Amino acid sequence: MKESSYAELKAELEALQKRTEQARLAEIQAVAQRAAAMLNEYQVSLAELRAAGYRPADDLAKRVGRPRRAGGSAEPKTSSAREVKFRDPSNEGNTWSGRGARPKWIREALAAGRTLESFRVA
């Protein structure tokens, strides 16, 4: 039996990896189609999926390798977990807890002559 060279083994490996990825994508498509059919049949909403523990693959990818926080939660704290101290009256979605760097909307307003106190939540 003749031994393969490094170049031959590398080419075989690349071909196998390509076939593996093609098979994975085909299986994902089949699983997604079956899941979509079931979700449509039972009229399951995204909110119901999340309540049952579903997390989109994008969310999972962000958490891979992230150490667990004290208390067992792998979820990062969100800005909504902190008390809002400043709010933009012209856009209720613009809020700031007063911690960390000033957000762009506050910096722009201050540069335009507004005061920080004009955004303070009572």
Protein backbone atom coordinates (compact mmCIF):
# COMPACT_ATOMS: atom_id res chain seq x y z
CA MET A 1 0.00 0.00 0.00
CA LYS A 2 1.48 3.32 -1.13
CA GLU A 3 1.58 6.15 1.39
CA SER A 4 -0.09 9.36 0.33
CA SER A 5 1.84 12.59 0.26
CA TYR A 6 0.95 15.58 2.41
CA ALA A 7 -0.44 17.41 -0.65
CA GLU A 8 -2.65 14.43 -1.58
CA LEU A 9 -3.96 14.09 1.99
CA LYS A 10 -4.63 17.81 2.18
CA ALA A 11 -6.57 17.69 -1.11
CA GLU A 12 -8.60 14.72 0.15
CA LEU A 13 -9.33 16.53 3.40
CA GLU A 14 -10.50 19.67 1.57
CA ALA A 15 -12.76 17.59 -0.68
CA LEU A 16 -14.20 15.77 2.34
CA GLN A 17 -14.77 19.06 4.18
CA LYS A 18 -16.60 20.43 1.14
CA ARG A 19 -18.82 17.33 0.92
CA THR A 20 -19.45 17.48 4.67
CA GLU A 21 -20.55 21.13 4.48
CA GLN A 22 -22.83 20.39 1.51
CA ALA A 23 -24.46 17.53 3.45
CA ARG A 24 -24.84 19.71 6.54
CA LEU A 25 -26.54 22.48 4.55
CA ALA A 26 -28.89 20.00 2.87
CA GLU A 27 -29.87 18.55 6.26
CA ILE A 28 -30.36 22.01 7.75
CA GLN A 29 -32.68 22.91 4.89
CA ALA A 30 -34.72 19.74 5.43
CA VAL A 31 -34.94 20.34 9.21
CA ALA A 32 -35.92 23.98 8.68
CA GLN A 33 -38.67 23.00 6.25
CA ARG A 34 -40.08 20.42 8.69
CA ALA A 35 -39.91 22.91 11.57
CA ALA A 36 -41.59 25.65 9.52
CA ALA A 37 -44.38 23.29 8.52
CA MET A 38 -45.02 22.35 12.16
CA LEU A 39 -44.88 25.97 13.36
CA ASN A 40 -47.32 27.01 10.65
CA GLU A 41 -49.64 24.09 11.40
CA TYR A 42 -49.84 24.97 15.10
CA GLN A 43 -49.58 28.76 14.51
CA VAL A 44 -46.74 29.12 17.01
CA SER A 45 -45.47 32.69 17.46
CA LEU A 46 -41.88 33.75 17.99
CA ALA A 47 -42.81 34.93 21.50
CA GLU A 48 -44.11 31.44 22.31
CA LEU A 49 -40.91 29.89 20.97
CA ARG A 50 -38.76 32.20 23.09
CA ALA A 51 -40.88 31.46 26.18
CA ALA A 52 -40.22 27.76 25.57
CA GLY A 53 -36.46 28.37 25.51
CA TYR A 54 -35.82 28.79 21.77
CA ARG A 55 -32.83 30.96 20.92
CA PRO A 56 -31.93 31.77 17.30
CA ALA A 57 -28.57 30.46 16.13
CA ASP A 58 -27.28 34.05 15.92
CA ASP A 59 -27.97 34.52 19.64
CA LEU A 60 -26.25 31.24 20.46
CA ALA A 61 -23.18 32.13 18.43
CA LYS A 62 -22.76 35.34 20.42
CA ARG A 63 -22.71 33.37 23.69
CA VAL A 64 -20.33 30.56 22.69
CA GLY A 65 -17.32 30.64 24.94
CA ARG A 66 -18.75 33.33 27.17
CA PRO A 67 -18.27 32.42 30.84
CA ARG A 68 -21.34 32.10 32.99
CA ARG A 69 -22.13 34.99 35.28
CA ALA A 70 -22.64 34.62 39.01
CA GLY A 71 -26.05 33.11 39.54
CA GLY A 72 -25.73 30.85 36.50
CA SER A 73 -26.92 33.23 33.78
CA ALA A 74 -24.97 33.26 30.52
CA GLU A 75 -27.06 36.21 29.31
CA PRO A 76 -25.31 39.56 29.44
CA LYS A 77 -26.96 42.35 31.37
CA THR A 78 -28.83 44.69 29.09
CA SER A 79 -29.02 48.42 29.35
CA SER A 80 -32.71 48.06 30.25
CA ALA A 81 -31.62 46.33 33.47
CA ARG A 82 -30.23 49.66 34.73
CA GLU A 83 -32.39 52.55 35.80
CA VAL A 84 -32.90 55.12 33.06
CA LYS A 85 -31.65 58.52 34.21
CA PHE A 86 -31.72 60.39 30.89
CA ARG A 87 -34.28 60.24 28.06
CA ASP A 88 -34.58 62.09 24.78
CA PRO A 89 -38.07 63.68 24.76
CA SER A 90 -38.10 63.69 20.95
CA ASN A 91 -37.36 59.95 20.76
CA GLU A 92 -38.42 57.79 23.72
CA GLY A 93 -36.13 54.99 22.51
CA ASN A 94 -33.06 57.10 23.28
CA THR A 95 -32.23 56.43 26.91
CA TRP A 96 -29.08 56.41 29.02
CA SER A 97 -28.42 55.18 32.55
CA GLY A 98 -25.68 57.74 33.12
CA ARG A 99 -23.07 54.98 33.20
CA GLY A 100 -20.37 54.46 30.64
CA ALA A 101 -19.65 56.64 27.64
CA ARG A 102 -22.26 59.17 26.63
CA PRO A 103 -24.37 57.91 23.73
CA LYS A 104 -24.17 59.67 20.38
CA TRP A 105 -27.59 61.32 20.72
CA ILE A 106 -26.51 63.00 23.98
CA ARG A 107 -23.15 64.09 22.58
CA GLU A 108 -24.84 65.61 19.53
CA ALA A 109 -27.43 67.42 21.67
CA LEU A 110 -24.75 68.81 23.98
CA ALA A 111 -22.74 69.99 20.97
CA ALA A 112 -25.89 71.74 19.73
CA GLY A 113 -26.17 73.67 23.00
CA ARG A 114 -28.60 71.54 25.02
CA THR A 115 -27.83 70.75 28.65
CA LEU A 116 -27.57 67.32 30.20
CA GLU A 117 -30.19 68.33 32.77
CA SER A 118 -32.74 68.84 29.99
CA PHE A 119 -32.71 65.07 29.44
CA ARG A 120 -32.83 64.01 33.10
CA VAL A 121 -35.78 61.78 34.04
CA ALA A 122 -37.71 63.15 37.01
